[in-house]
Amino acid sequence: MPENPVVRAKFTVTHHEVLHYQSGDPHVTVHLQPRCESSIPEDKRFAAATPSGELKMYITNKSAIEHLKPGRAFYLDFIPVPEGVSPYHS
């Protein structure tokens, strides 16, 4: 196995939960689920490895909210943080 393996998943944005605050700033929870379109060979391969699940992200960045539109599919790459690098600071 490679020293820094990458795990890739394919998820679709299912919906947004929009929260309204007095500040007027956007506060959105974006919900994603594994992509499982049986007519698409790539999706069938991903579904075999990740048949179910959910990812939720609470987002306040307007550009990110606009980018993550419901119905849109994304590849999610999980790359390990190298040893010695704090997971809390970039």
C-alpha atoms as a PDB file:
ATOM      1  CA  MET A   1       0.000   0.000   0.000  1.00  0.00           C
ATOM      2  CA  PRO A   2       1.354   3.487  -0.833  1.00  0.00           C
ATOM      3  CA  GLU A   3       2.698   5.618   1.990  1.00  0.00           C
ATOM      4  CA  ASN A   4      -0.029   8.270   1.528  1.00  0.00           C
ATOM      5  CA  PRO A   5      -3.030   6.455   0.066  1.00  0.00           C
ATOM      6  CA  VAL A   6      -5.910   8.471  -1.298  1.00  0.00           C
ATOM      7  CA  VAL A   7      -9.443   7.225  -0.790  1.00  0.00           C
ATOM      8  CA  ARG A   8     -11.926   8.646  -3.283  1.00  0.00           C
ATOM      9  CA  ALA A   9     -15.695   8.708  -2.887  1.00  0.00           C
ATOM     10  CA  LYS A  10     -18.391  10.095  -5.170  1.00  0.00           C
ATOM     11  CA  PHE A  11     -21.199  11.993  -3.448  1.00  0.00           C
ATOM     12  CA  THR A  12     -24.199  14.029  -4.602  1.00  0.00           C
ATOM     13  CA  VAL A  13     -25.554  17.109  -2.839  1.00  0.00           C
ATOM     14  CA  THR A  14     -29.074  16.095  -1.845  1.00  0.00           C
ATOM     15  CA  HIS A  15     -30.300  19.305  -0.260  1.00  0.00           C
ATOM     16  CA  HIS A  16     -29.526  22.447   1.732  1.00  0.00           C
ATOM     17  CA  GLU A  17     -30.888  23.435   5.123  1.00  0.00           C
ATOM     18  CA  VAL A  18     -30.870  27.221   5.228  1.00  0.00           C
ATOM     19  CA  LEU A  19     -30.745  28.933   8.602  1.00  0.00           C
ATOM     20  CA  HIS A  20     -31.708  32.580   8.846  1.00  0.00           C
ATOM     21  CA  TYR A  21     -30.016  34.826  11.340  1.00  0.00           C
ATOM     22  CA  GLN A  22     -30.469  38.518  12.027  1.00  0.00           C
ATOM     23  CA  SER A  23     -27.029  39.276  10.598  1.00  0.00           C
ATOM     24  CA  GLY A  24     -28.274  38.309   7.147  1.00  0.00           C
ATOM     25  CA  ASP A  25     -25.194  36.169   6.530  1.00  0.00           C
ATOM     26  CA  PRO A  26     -25.860  32.780   4.941  1.00  0.00           C
ATOM     27  CA  HIS A  27     -25.721  29.761   7.193  1.00  0.00           C
ATOM     28  CA  VAL A  28     -26.363  26.542   5.303  1.00  0.00           C
ATOM     29  CA  THR A  29     -26.039  22.878   6.168  1.00  0.00           C
ATOM     30  CA  VAL A  30     -25.173  21.033   2.950  1.00  0.00           C
ATOM     31  CA  HIS A  31     -26.184  17.355   2.868  1.00  0.00           C
ATOM     32  CA  LEU A  32     -24.431  14.841   0.598  1.00  0.00           C
ATOM     33  CA  GLN A  33     -24.983  11.116   0.016  1.00  0.00           C
ATOM     34  CA  PRO A  34     -23.050   8.521  -1.976  1.00  0.00           C
ATOM     35  CA  ARG A  35     -23.768   8.582  -5.700  1.00  0.00           C
ATOM     36  CA  CYS A  36     -25.527   5.358  -6.709  1.00  0.00           C
ATOM     37  CA  GLU A  37     -26.879   5.757 -10.264  1.00  0.00           C
ATOM     38  CA  SER A  38     -27.073   2.128 -11.424  1.00  0.00           C
ATOM     39  CA  SER A  39     -27.022   3.042 -15.134  1.00  0.00           C
ATOM     40  CA  ILE A  40     -23.556   4.633 -14.830  1.00  0.00           C
ATOM     41  CA  PRO A  41     -20.670   2.098 -14.609  1.00  0.00           C
ATOM     42  CA  GLU A  42     -18.463   4.419 -12.528  1.00  0.00           C
ATOM     43  CA  ASP A  43     -21.278   4.985 -10.024  1.00  0.00           C
ATOM     44  CA  LYS A  44     -21.802   1.228  -9.723  1.00  0.00           C
ATOM     45  CA  ARG A  45     -18.119   0.822  -8.759  1.00  0.00           C
ATOM     46  CA  PHE A  46     -18.339   3.586  -6.160  1.00  0.00           C
ATOM     47  CA  ALA A  47     -21.634   2.214  -4.800  1.00  0.00           C
ATOM     48  CA  ALA A  48     -20.029  -1.189  -4.267  1.00  0.00           C
ATOM     49  CA  ALA A  49     -17.420   0.412  -1.978  1.00  0.00           C
ATOM     50  CA  THR A  50     -19.668   3.029  -0.332  1.00  0.00           C
ATOM     51  CA  PRO A  51     -23.253   1.763  -0.536  1.00  0.00           C
ATOM     52  CA  SER A  52     -24.615   4.233   1.995  1.00  0.00           C
ATOM     53  CA  GLY A  53     -23.645   7.151   4.160  1.00  0.00           C
ATOM     54  CA  GLU A  54     -24.096  10.865   4.654  1.00  0.00           C
ATOM     55  CA  LEU A  55     -21.853  13.885   4.868  1.00  0.00           C
ATOM     56  CA  LYS A  56     -23.125  17.141   6.376  1.00  0.00           C
ATOM     57  CA  MET A  57     -21.195  20.386   6.277  1.00  0.00           C
ATOM     58  CA  TYR A  58     -22.196  23.637   7.977  1.00  0.00           C
ATOM     59  CA  ILE A  59     -21.070  26.398   5.618  1.00  0.00           C
ATOM     60  CA  THR A  60     -21.051  30.188   5.884  1.00  0.00           C
ATOM     61  CA  ASN A  61     -18.954  30.936   2.787  1.00  0.00           C
ATOM     62  CA  LYS A  62     -21.275  32.239   0.025  1.00  0.00           C
ATOM     63  CA  SER A  63     -19.043  30.990  -2.814  1.00  0.00           C
ATOM     64  CA  ALA A  64     -18.909  27.488  -1.365  1.00  0.00           C
ATOM     65  CA  ILE A  65     -22.682  27.425  -0.866  1.00  0.00           C
ATOM     66  CA  GLU A  66     -23.252  28.451  -4.492  1.00  0.00           C
ATOM     67  CA  HIS A  67     -20.727  25.850  -5.717  1.00  0.00           C
ATOM     68  CA  LEU A  68     -22.344  22.976  -3.789  1.00  0.00           C
ATOM     69  CA  LYS A  69     -25.711  23.035  -5.561  1.00  0.00           C
ATOM     70  CA  PRO A  70     -28.293  20.320  -4.891  1.00  0.00           C
ATOM     71  CA  GLY A  71     -28.177  17.582  -7.515  1.00  0.00           C
ATOM     72  CA  ARG A  72     -24.523  18.166  -8.323  1.00  0.00           C
ATOM     73  CA  ALA A  73     -22.046  15.285  -7.857  1.00  0.00           C
ATOM     74  CA  PHE A  74     -18.531  15.621  -6.444  1.00  0.00           C
ATOM     75  CA  TYR A  75     -15.478  13.462  -5.928  1.00  0.00           C
ATOM     76  CA  LEU A  76     -14.313  13.553  -2.321  1.00  0.00           C
ATOM     77  CA  ASP A  77     -10.642  12.733  -1.843  1.00  0.00           C
ATOM     78  CA  PHE A  78      -9.551  11.700   1.626  1.00  0.00           C
ATOM     79  CA  ILE A  79      -5.840  12.319   1.976  1.00  0.00           C
ATOM     80  CA  PRO A  80      -4.190  11.613   5.344  1.00  0.00           C
ATOM     81  CA  VAL A  81      -2.636  14.516   7.198  1.00  0.00           C
ATOM     82  CA  PRO A  82       1.118  13.814   7.415  1.00  0.00           C
ATOM     83  CA  GLU A  83       2.519  12.809  10.805  1.00  0.00           C
ATOM     84  CA  GLY A  84       3.642  15.817  12.803  1.00  0.00           C
ATOM     85  CA  VAL A  85       1.225  18.244  11.113  1.00  0.00           C
ATOM     86  CA  SER A  86      -1.446  19.541  13.443  1.00  0.00           C
ATOM     87  CA  PRO A  87      -4.936  18.713  12.173  1.00  0.00           C
ATOM     88  CA  TYR A  88      -6.136  21.995  13.701  1.00  0.00           C
ATOM     89  CA  HIS A  89      -3.853  24.510  11.966  1.00  0.00           C
ATOM     90  CA  SER A  90      -2.813  24.990   8.363  1.00  0.00           C
END
